[in-house]
Amino acid sequence: MVRSSKRAIFFDFGDTMASTKPSYLIRVAIAMRAAGYPISDGDFELAYVKTDYKIYKKYKTKGEMTPQEYGEWFFPILCRYLSLDGDPYAIRAKMRMELKEIKFSRTALPGAINLLEVLKEKGFILGIISNNDGKTQEKCEEVGIRKYFDIIADSTNLGFIKPDSRMFHFVLAKLNLSPSEAIHVGDLYGSDVMGGLNAGLDVLWLNKSEIDGPDETQVTSVKNLSEIQTILDTEKAGSEHA
C-alpha cells in the first residue's frame, strides 16, 4: 500500500523511466545466445530478478555495498540460476564481446513524459536513483526528461549502490526529506523494491512482465507507468474521505 501525503517520488532510470531498443535484458540474453548459451529471454529475465534479490540478501548480511562488490557478486550468482557450468567470468567476457556488436537506441518509456508533467504540475519533488555508469544525467538529457528532476543520483558517482540504503538516504538528505515523505519506483525487486522498503520508503514495483516476486513481501505493483497516477489519485481520494 502507498500511503498518501507524499512530497517526493523517486524513479530508477533504466527500464523504469527509459529503455533501449532492444532493452538491456534482451540484449544480454541475445549476447548470451550468440556466445553459445541457449537461454530464452524469459528465463534470463527471471534469473536476473532472482540474482538481484539474492544480492539484496547479501547486502542485508553485510550492511553496505559498493558498485564494485555488486559487479563482482552478480554474474557468478546469475550463472548459478541459469545452470551454466564453467568460469562465470569467462562466460561474462564472451557475453560482453557479443554485446558490443548489438546496436541499440535509447528512448523514454511510454507514458514517462506525461507522468512527469502531471507530477510536476501537482508539485511533487522528483528524483532519479540509478545503478548506472556515471552518465545518468546525460542519458536523461538524451531522452528528454532531465528538466523534470530535482536531483539525479548515480551509483558510480556516489560509490554505493542500490539496494544499499545510503543511495536513498543521500537523496533524502539532499532534499531535506524524511523516508516517509517519499515513494520509490523501480523495476528490480531486490535493488528497487527491497532496497527502498529497507530504507523506509514506500515503493511501487514496475513489474512489466508480471512475474512473481521472489519472496512473500506485499508490495504494490504496476505493469506500466500510466497506472502510477491512478494509484496516487486513489490513495489521495481515500485519505480525503477517511
C-alpha atoms as a PDB file:
ATOM      1  CA  MET A   1       0.000   0.000   0.000  1.00  0.00           C
ATOM      2  CA  VAL A   2       1.266   3.504  -0.886  1.00  0.00           C
ATOM      3  CA  ARG A   3       0.475   5.982   1.857  1.00  0.00           C
ATOM      4  CA  SER A   4      -0.885   9.393   0.894  1.00  0.00           C
ATOM      5  CA  SER A   5       0.566  12.844   1.622  1.00  0.00           C
ATOM      6  CA  LYS A   6       3.856  12.229  -0.131  1.00  0.00           C
ATOM      7  CA  ARG A   7       6.094  15.094  -1.160  1.00  0.00           C
ATOM      8  CA  ALA A   8       8.551  13.284  -3.428  1.00  0.00           C
ATOM      9  CA  ILE A   9       8.668  10.476  -5.956  1.00  0.00           C
ATOM     10  CA  PHE A  10      11.948   8.862  -6.939  1.00  0.00           C
ATOM     11  CA  PHE A  11      12.466   6.707 -10.005  1.00  0.00           C
ATOM     12  CA  ASP A  12      15.016   4.208 -11.153  1.00  0.00           C
ATOM     13  CA  PHE A  13      16.284   5.128 -14.632  1.00  0.00           C
ATOM     14  CA  GLY A  14      16.977   2.062 -16.789  1.00  0.00           C
ATOM     15  CA  ASP A  15      13.828   0.130 -17.740  1.00  0.00           C
ATOM     16  CA  THR A  16      11.782   2.386 -15.448  1.00  0.00           C
ATOM     17  CA  MET A  17      11.981   5.875 -16.940  1.00  0.00           C
ATOM     18  CA  ALA A  18      13.797   4.953 -20.141  1.00  0.00           C
ATOM     19  CA  SER A  19      14.933   1.895 -22.018  1.00  0.00           C
ATOM     20  CA  THR A  20      16.947   0.858 -25.012  1.00  0.00           C
ATOM     21  CA  LYS A  21      15.611  -0.890 -28.089  1.00  0.00           C
ATOM     22  CA  PRO A  22      16.233  -3.806 -27.666  1.00  0.00           C
ATOM     23  CA  SER A  23      16.097  -3.481 -23.854  1.00  0.00           C
ATOM     24  CA  TYR A  24      19.231  -4.174 -21.821  1.00  0.00           C
ATOM     25  CA  LEU A  25      17.998  -7.553 -20.570  1.00  0.00           C
ATOM     26  CA  ILE A  26      17.007  -8.650 -24.071  1.00  0.00           C
ATOM     27  CA  ARG A  27      20.373  -7.512 -25.435  1.00  0.00           C
ATOM     28  CA  VAL A  28      22.237  -9.508 -22.806  1.00  0.00           C
ATOM     29  CA  ALA A  29      20.073 -12.566 -23.494  1.00  0.00           C
ATOM     30  CA  ILE A  30      20.803 -12.215 -27.224  1.00  0.00           C
ATOM     31  CA  ALA A  31      24.509 -11.870 -26.464  1.00  0.00           C
ATOM     32  CA  MET A  32      24.429 -14.946 -24.237  1.00  0.00           C
ATOM     33  CA  ARG A  33      22.893 -16.992 -27.044  1.00  0.00           C
ATOM     34  CA  ALA A  34      25.428 -15.648 -29.531  1.00  0.00           C
ATOM     35  CA  ALA A  35      28.175 -16.702 -27.102  1.00  0.00           C
ATOM     36  CA  GLY A  36      26.843 -20.257 -27.198  1.00  0.00           C
ATOM     37  CA  TYR A  37      24.460 -20.395 -24.235  1.00  0.00           C
ATOM     38  CA  PRO A  38      20.868 -21.308 -25.298  1.00  0.00           C
ATOM     39  CA  ILE A  39      18.901 -19.143 -22.869  1.00  0.00           C
ATOM     40  CA  SER A  40      15.419 -17.784 -23.549  1.00  0.00           C
ATOM     41  CA  ASP A  41      14.534 -14.145 -22.924  1.00  0.00           C
ATOM     42  CA  GLY A  42      12.020 -15.135 -20.242  1.00  0.00           C
ATOM     43  CA  ASP A  43      14.396 -17.453 -18.398  1.00  0.00           C
ATOM     44  CA  PHE A  44      17.078 -14.792 -18.463  1.00  0.00           C
ATOM     45  CA  GLU A  45      14.778 -12.099 -17.031  1.00  0.00           C
ATOM     46  CA  LEU A  46      13.624 -14.374 -14.217  1.00  0.00           C
ATOM     47  CA  ALA A  47      17.214 -15.360 -13.365  1.00  0.00           C
ATOM     48  CA  TYR A  48      18.225 -11.678 -13.408  1.00  0.00           C
ATOM     49  CA  VAL A  49      15.470 -10.734 -10.954  1.00  0.00           C
ATOM     50  CA  LYS A  50      16.379 -13.642  -8.666  1.00  0.00           C
ATOM     51  CA  THR A  51      20.053 -12.663  -8.782  1.00  0.00           C
ATOM     52  CA  ASP A  52      19.285  -9.051  -7.890  1.00  0.00           C
ATOM     53  CA  TYR A  53      17.194 -10.245  -4.942  1.00  0.00           C
ATOM     54  CA  LYS A  54      19.970 -12.604  -3.786  1.00  0.00           C
ATOM     55  CA  ILE A  55      22.347  -9.661  -3.783  1.00  0.00           C
ATOM     56  CA  TYR A  56      19.888  -7.730  -1.629  1.00  0.00           C
ATOM     57  CA  LYS A  57      20.076 -10.566   0.902  1.00  0.00           C
ATOM     58  CA  LYS A  58      23.882 -10.469   0.789  1.00  0.00           C
ATOM     59  CA  TYR A  59      23.714  -6.710   1.368  1.00  0.00           C
ATOM     60  CA  LYS A  60      21.451  -7.206   4.396  1.00  0.00           C
ATOM     61  CA  THR A  61      24.061  -9.516   5.918  1.00  0.00           C
ATOM     62  CA  LYS A  62      26.991  -7.235   5.104  1.00  0.00           C
ATOM     63  CA  GLY A  63      25.294  -3.902   5.870  1.00  0.00           C
ATOM     64  CA  GLU A  64      26.654  -1.896   2.940  1.00  0.00           C
ATOM     65  CA  MET A  65      27.661  -2.373  -0.670  1.00  0.00           C
ATOM     66  CA  THR A  66      29.857  -0.730  -3.296  1.00  0.00           C
ATOM     67  CA  PRO A  67      29.287  -0.805  -7.068  1.00  0.00           C
ATOM     68  CA  GLN A  68      32.430  -2.938  -7.364  1.00  0.00           C
ATOM     69  CA  GLU A  69      31.047  -5.548  -4.965  1.00  0.00           C
ATOM     70  CA  TYR A  70      27.703  -5.650  -6.762  1.00  0.00           C
ATOM     71  CA  GLY A  71      29.517  -6.245 -10.049  1.00  0.00           C
ATOM     72  CA  GLU A  72      31.743  -8.976  -8.589  1.00  0.00           C
ATOM     73  CA  TRP A  73      28.833 -10.832  -6.998  1.00  0.00           C
ATOM     74  CA  PHE A  74      26.274 -10.546  -9.778  1.00  0.00           C
ATOM     75  CA  PHE A  75      27.464 -12.726 -12.641  1.00  0.00           C
ATOM     76  CA  PRO A  76      28.511 -15.805 -10.635  1.00  0.00           C
ATOM     77  CA  ILE A  77      25.083 -15.843  -8.958  1.00  0.00           C
ATOM     78  CA  LEU A  78      23.359 -15.299 -12.315  1.00  0.00           C
ATOM     79  CA  CYS A  79      25.218 -18.236 -13.837  1.00  0.00           C
ATOM     80  CA  ARG A  80      24.050 -20.477 -10.997  1.00  0.00           C
ATOM     81  CA  TYR A  81      20.420 -19.509 -11.568  1.00  0.00           C
ATOM     82  CA  LEU A  82      20.887 -20.169 -15.299  1.00  0.00           C
ATOM     83  CA  SER A  83      22.566 -23.538 -14.552  1.00  0.00           C
ATOM     84  CA  LEU A  84      25.632 -22.561 -16.588  1.00  0.00           C
ATOM     85  CA  ASP A  85      28.787 -24.577 -15.998  1.00  0.00           C
ATOM     86  CA  GLY A  86      32.275 -23.118 -16.243  1.00  0.00           C
ATOM     87  CA  ASP A  87      34.056 -19.994 -15.076  1.00  0.00           C
ATOM     88  CA  PRO A  88      31.407 -17.247 -14.759  1.00  0.00           C
ATOM     89  CA  TYR A  89      33.948 -14.544 -15.542  1.00  0.00           C
ATOM     90  CA  ALA A  90      34.919 -16.321 -18.778  1.00  0.00           C
ATOM     91  CA  ILE A  91      31.214 -16.580 -19.648  1.00  0.00           C
ATOM     92  CA  ARG A  92      30.798 -12.884 -18.908  1.00  0.00           C
ATOM     93  CA  ALA A  93      33.779 -11.999 -21.112  1.00  0.00           C
ATOM     94  CA  LYS A  94      32.263 -13.921 -24.057  1.00  0.00           C
ATOM     95  CA  MET A  95      28.892 -12.291 -23.487  1.00  0.00           C
ATOM     96  CA  ARG A  96      30.416  -8.806 -23.391  1.00  0.00           C
ATOM     97  CA  MET A  97      32.206  -9.370 -26.695  1.00  0.00           C
ATOM     98  CA  GLU A  98      28.909 -10.279 -28.332  1.00  0.00           C
ATOM     99  CA  LEU A  99      27.065  -7.442 -26.572  1.00  0.00           C
ATOM    100  CA  LYS A 100      29.353  -4.884 -28.237  1.00  0.00           C
ATOM    101  CA  GLU A 101      28.036  -5.967 -31.625  1.00  0.00           C
ATOM    102  CA  ILE A 102      24.361  -5.313 -30.819  1.00  0.00           C
ATOM    103  CA  LYS A 103      23.176  -1.886 -31.930  1.00  0.00           C
ATOM    104  CA  PHE A 104      20.536  -0.106 -29.880  1.00  0.00           C
ATOM    105  CA  SER A 105      18.747   3.206 -29.409  1.00  0.00           C
ATOM    106  CA  ARG A 106      17.548   4.809 -26.170  1.00  0.00           C
ATOM    107  CA  THR A 107      14.141   6.360 -25.565  1.00  0.00           C
ATOM    108  CA  ALA A 108      11.826   7.341 -22.709  1.00  0.00           C
ATOM    109  CA  LEU A 109       9.362   4.596 -21.798  1.00  0.00           C
ATOM    110  CA  PRO A 110       5.738   5.020 -22.943  1.00  0.00           C
ATOM    111  CA  GLY A 111       3.913   7.337 -20.552  1.00  0.00           C
ATOM    112  CA  ALA A 112       7.075   8.620 -18.851  1.00  0.00           C
ATOM    113  CA  ILE A 113       6.974  12.232 -20.025  1.00  0.00           C
ATOM    114  CA  ASN A 114       3.221  12.566 -19.484  1.00  0.00           C
ATOM    115  CA  LEU A 115       3.548  11.164 -15.956  1.00  0.00           C
ATOM    116  CA  LEU A 116       6.418  13.526 -15.129  1.00  0.00           C
ATOM    117  CA  GLU A 117       4.461  16.509 -16.472  1.00  0.00           C
ATOM    118  CA  VAL A 118       1.475  15.626 -14.275  1.00  0.00           C
ATOM    119  CA  LEU A 119       3.595  15.014 -11.168  1.00  0.00           C
ATOM    120  CA  LYS A 120       5.431  18.314 -11.623  1.00  0.00           C
ATOM    121  CA  GLU A 121       2.139  20.164 -12.026  1.00  0.00           C
ATOM    122  CA  LYS A 122       0.952  18.594  -8.774  1.00  0.00           C
ATOM    123  CA  GLY A 123       4.058  19.905  -7.002  1.00  0.00           C
ATOM    124  CA  PHE A 124       5.949  16.673  -6.380  1.00  0.00           C
ATOM    125  CA  ILE A 125       9.698  16.755  -5.881  1.00  0.00           C
ATOM    126  CA  LEU A 126      11.166  14.304  -8.408  1.00  0.00           C
ATOM    127  CA  GLY A 127      14.425  12.392  -8.377  1.00  0.00           C
ATOM    128  CA  ILE A 128      16.337   9.645 -10.154  1.00  0.00           C
ATOM    129  CA  ILE A 129      18.156   6.985  -8.118  1.00  0.00           C
ATOM    130  CA  SER A 130      20.052   4.813 -10.561  1.00  0.00           C
ATOM    131  CA  ASN A 131      22.583   2.000 -10.554  1.00  0.00           C
ATOM    132  CA  ASN A 132      24.410   3.293 -13.586  1.00  0.00           C
ATOM    133  CA  ASP A 133      27.736   4.042 -15.219  1.00  0.00           C
ATOM    134  CA  GLY A 134      28.174   7.659 -14.125  1.00  0.00           C
ATOM    135  CA  LYS A 135      26.302   9.069 -17.132  1.00  0.00           C
ATOM    136  CA  THR A 136      22.705   9.090 -15.922  1.00  0.00           C
ATOM    137  CA  GLN A 137      22.376  12.852 -16.351  1.00  0.00           C
ATOM    138  CA  GLU A 138      23.495  12.647 -19.965  1.00  0.00           C
ATOM    139  CA  LYS A 139      21.109   9.746 -20.623  1.00  0.00           C
ATOM    140  CA  CYS A 140      18.230  11.742 -19.128  1.00  0.00           C
ATOM    141  CA  GLU A 141      19.108  14.617 -21.467  1.00  0.00           C
ATOM    142  CA  GLU A 142      19.211  12.188 -24.390  1.00  0.00           C
ATOM    143  CA  VAL A 143      15.631  11.001 -23.831  1.00  0.00           C
ATOM    144  CA  GLY A 144      14.259  14.445 -22.933  1.00  0.00           C
ATOM    145  CA  ILE A 145      13.479  14.043 -19.223  1.00  0.00           C
ATOM    146  CA  ARG A 146      16.359  15.797 -17.420  1.00  0.00           C
ATOM    147  CA  LYS A 147      14.386  19.010 -16.830  1.00  0.00           C
ATOM    148  CA  TYR A 148      11.815  17.272 -14.632  1.00  0.00           C
ATOM    149  CA  PHE A 149      14.201  16.095 -11.935  1.00  0.00           C
ATOM    150  CA  ASP A 150      15.376  17.987  -8.885  1.00  0.00           C
ATOM    151  CA  ILE A 151      18.194  15.506  -8.282  1.00  0.00           C
ATOM    152  CA  ILE A 152      19.872  12.639 -10.135  1.00  0.00           C
ATOM    153  CA  ALA A 153      21.897  10.146  -8.087  1.00  0.00           C
ATOM    154  CA  ASP A 154      24.183   7.709  -9.939  1.00  0.00           C
ATOM    155  CA  SER A 155      25.797   4.800  -8.097  1.00  0.00           C
ATOM    156  CA  THR A 156      29.115   5.084  -9.935  1.00  0.00           C
ATOM    157  CA  ASN A 157      29.486   8.730  -8.915  1.00  0.00           C
ATOM    158  CA  LEU A 158      28.469   8.098  -5.297  1.00  0.00           C
ATOM    159  CA  GLY A 159      30.449   4.935  -4.559  1.00  0.00           C
ATOM    160  CA  PHE A 160      27.482   2.998  -3.196  1.00  0.00           C
ATOM    161  CA  ILE A 161      24.680   1.215  -4.979  1.00  0.00           C
ATOM    162  CA  LYS A 162      21.079   0.110  -4.555  1.00  0.00           C
ATOM    163  CA  PRO A 163      19.894  -1.764  -2.524  1.00  0.00           C
ATOM    164  CA  ASP A 164      22.284  -0.003  -0.106  1.00  0.00           C
ATOM    165  CA  SER A 165      20.163   2.409   1.966  1.00  0.00           C
ATOM    166  CA  ARG A 166      22.841   5.063   1.539  1.00  0.00           C
ATOM    167  CA  MET A 167      21.645   5.592  -2.048  1.00  0.00           C
ATOM    168  CA  PHE A 168      18.168   6.528  -0.858  1.00  0.00           C
ATOM    169  CA  HIS A 169      19.250   8.416   2.260  1.00  0.00           C
ATOM    170  CA  PHE A 170      21.744  10.500   0.257  1.00  0.00           C
ATOM    171  CA  VAL A 171      18.919  11.792  -1.928  1.00  0.00           C
ATOM    172  CA  LEU A 172      16.567  12.313   1.017  1.00  0.00           C
ATOM    173  CA  ALA A 173      19.217  14.323   2.853  1.00  0.00           C
ATOM    174  CA  LYS A 174      19.928  16.496  -0.189  1.00  0.00           C
ATOM    175  CA  LEU A 175      16.222  17.299  -0.470  1.00  0.00           C
ATOM    176  CA  ASN A 176      15.654  17.658   3.302  1.00  0.00           C
ATOM    177  CA  LEU A 177      13.042  14.899   3.303  1.00  0.00           C
ATOM    178  CA  SER A 178      12.247  12.024   5.627  1.00  0.00           C
ATOM    179  CA  PRO A 179      11.791   8.483   4.210  1.00  0.00           C
ATOM    180  CA  SER A 180       8.059   8.600   4.987  1.00  0.00           C
ATOM    181  CA  GLU A 181       7.644  11.543   2.600  1.00  0.00           C
ATOM    182  CA  ALA A 182       8.874   9.681  -0.483  1.00  0.00           C
ATOM    183  CA  ILE A 183       7.923   6.884  -2.855  1.00  0.00           C
ATOM    184  CA  HIS A 184      10.448   4.982  -4.941  1.00  0.00           C
ATOM    185  CA  VAL A 185       9.503   3.416  -8.279  1.00  0.00           C
ATOM    186  CA  GLY A 186      11.681   0.791  -9.942  1.00  0.00           C
ATOM    187  CA  ASP A 187      11.731  -2.422 -11.926  1.00  0.00           C
ATOM    188  CA  LEU A 188      14.216  -4.539  -9.949  1.00  0.00           C
ATOM    189  CA  TYR A 189      12.792  -6.363  -6.951  1.00  0.00           C
ATOM    190  CA  GLY A 190      15.985  -6.515  -4.896  1.00  0.00           C
ATOM    191  CA  SER A 191      17.562  -3.158  -5.728  1.00  0.00           C
ATOM    192  CA  ASP A 192      14.435  -1.022  -6.011  1.00  0.00           C
ATOM    193  CA  VAL A 193      11.633  -2.716  -4.072  1.00  0.00           C
ATOM    194  CA  MET A 194      13.514  -4.257  -1.155  1.00  0.00           C
ATOM    195  CA  GLY A 195      16.150  -1.535  -1.197  1.00  0.00           C
ATOM    196  CA  GLY A 196      13.502   1.180  -0.977  1.00  0.00           C
ATOM    197  CA  LEU A 197      11.499  -0.605   1.710  1.00  0.00           C
ATOM    198  CA  ASN A 198      14.613  -1.248   3.759  1.00  0.00           C
ATOM    199  CA  ALA A 199      15.449   2.465   3.564  1.00  0.00           C
ATOM    200  CA  GLY A 200      11.989   3.339   4.925  1.00  0.00           C
ATOM    201  CA  LEU A 201      10.286   4.478   1.713  1.00  0.00           C
ATOM    202  CA  ASP A 202       7.029   3.323   0.209  1.00  0.00           C
ATOM    203  CA  VAL A 203       7.620   1.600  -3.128  1.00  0.00           C
ATOM    204  CA  LEU A 204       5.906   0.814  -6.400  1.00  0.00           C
ATOM    205  CA  TRP A 205       7.243  -2.136  -8.354  1.00  0.00           C
ATOM    206  CA  LEU A 206       7.194  -1.572 -12.118  1.00  0.00           C
ATOM    207  CA  ASN A 207       6.627  -5.217 -13.000  1.00  0.00           C
ATOM    208  CA  LYS A 208       6.108  -5.057 -16.756  1.00  0.00           C
ATOM    209  CA  SER A 209       6.299  -8.820 -17.260  1.00  0.00           C
ATOM    210  CA  GLU A 210       4.061  -9.521 -14.236  1.00  0.00           C
ATOM    211  CA  ILE A 211       6.463 -12.066 -12.781  1.00  0.00           C
ATOM    212  CA  ASP A 212       6.108 -13.350  -9.232  1.00  0.00           C
ATOM    213  CA  GLY A 213       8.178 -11.665  -6.554  1.00  0.00           C
ATOM    214  CA  PRO A 214      10.935 -13.861  -5.071  1.00  0.00           C
ATOM    215  CA  ASP A 215       9.566 -13.559  -1.507  1.00  0.00           C
ATOM    216  CA  GLU A 216       6.290 -13.023   0.340  1.00  0.00           C
ATOM    217  CA  THR A 217       6.599  -9.257   0.812  1.00  0.00           C
ATOM    218  CA  GLN A 218       3.353  -7.468  -0.057  1.00  0.00           C
ATOM    219  CA  VAL A 219       4.131  -4.682  -2.498  1.00  0.00           C
ATOM    220  CA  THR A 220       2.050  -2.599  -4.863  1.00  0.00           C
ATOM    221  CA  SER A 221       2.985  -3.342  -8.462  1.00  0.00           C
ATOM    222  CA  VAL A 222       2.113  -1.696 -11.768  1.00  0.00           C
ATOM    223  CA  LYS A 223       2.533  -3.005 -15.298  1.00  0.00           C
ATOM    224  CA  ASN A 224       3.166   0.400 -16.855  1.00  0.00           C
ATOM    225  CA  LEU A 225       3.831   3.990 -15.852  1.00  0.00           C
ATOM    226  CA  SER A 226       0.309   5.177 -16.639  1.00  0.00           C
ATOM    227  CA  GLU A 227      -1.023   3.155 -13.694  1.00  0.00           C
ATOM    228  CA  ILE A 228       1.007   5.188 -11.206  1.00  0.00           C
ATOM    229  CA  GLN A 229      -1.140   8.307 -11.442  1.00  0.00           C
ATOM    230  CA  THR A 230      -4.273   6.210 -10.935  1.00  0.00           C
ATOM    231  CA  ILE A 231      -2.804   4.714  -7.752  1.00  0.00           C
ATOM    232  CA  LEU A 232      -1.787   8.118  -6.397  1.00  0.00           C
ATOM    233  CA  ASP A 233      -5.215   9.605  -7.154  1.00  0.00           C
ATOM    234  CA  THR A 234      -6.952   6.645  -5.489  1.00  0.00           C
ATOM    235  CA  GLU A 235      -4.822   6.953  -2.359  1.00  0.00           C
ATOM    236  CA  LYS A 236      -5.431  10.691  -2.166  1.00  0.00           C
ATOM    237  CA  ALA A 237      -9.179  10.242  -2.533  1.00  0.00           C
ATOM    238  CA  GLY A 238      -9.149   7.582   0.166  1.00  0.00           C
ATOM    239  CA  SER A 239      -7.307   9.821   2.595  1.00  0.00           C
ATOM    240  CA  GLU A 240      -9.665  12.736   1.957  1.00  0.00           C
ATOM    241  CA  HIS A 241     -12.668  10.581   2.844  1.00  0.00           C
ATOM    242  CA  ALA A 242     -11.101   8.817   5.813  1.00  0.00           C
END
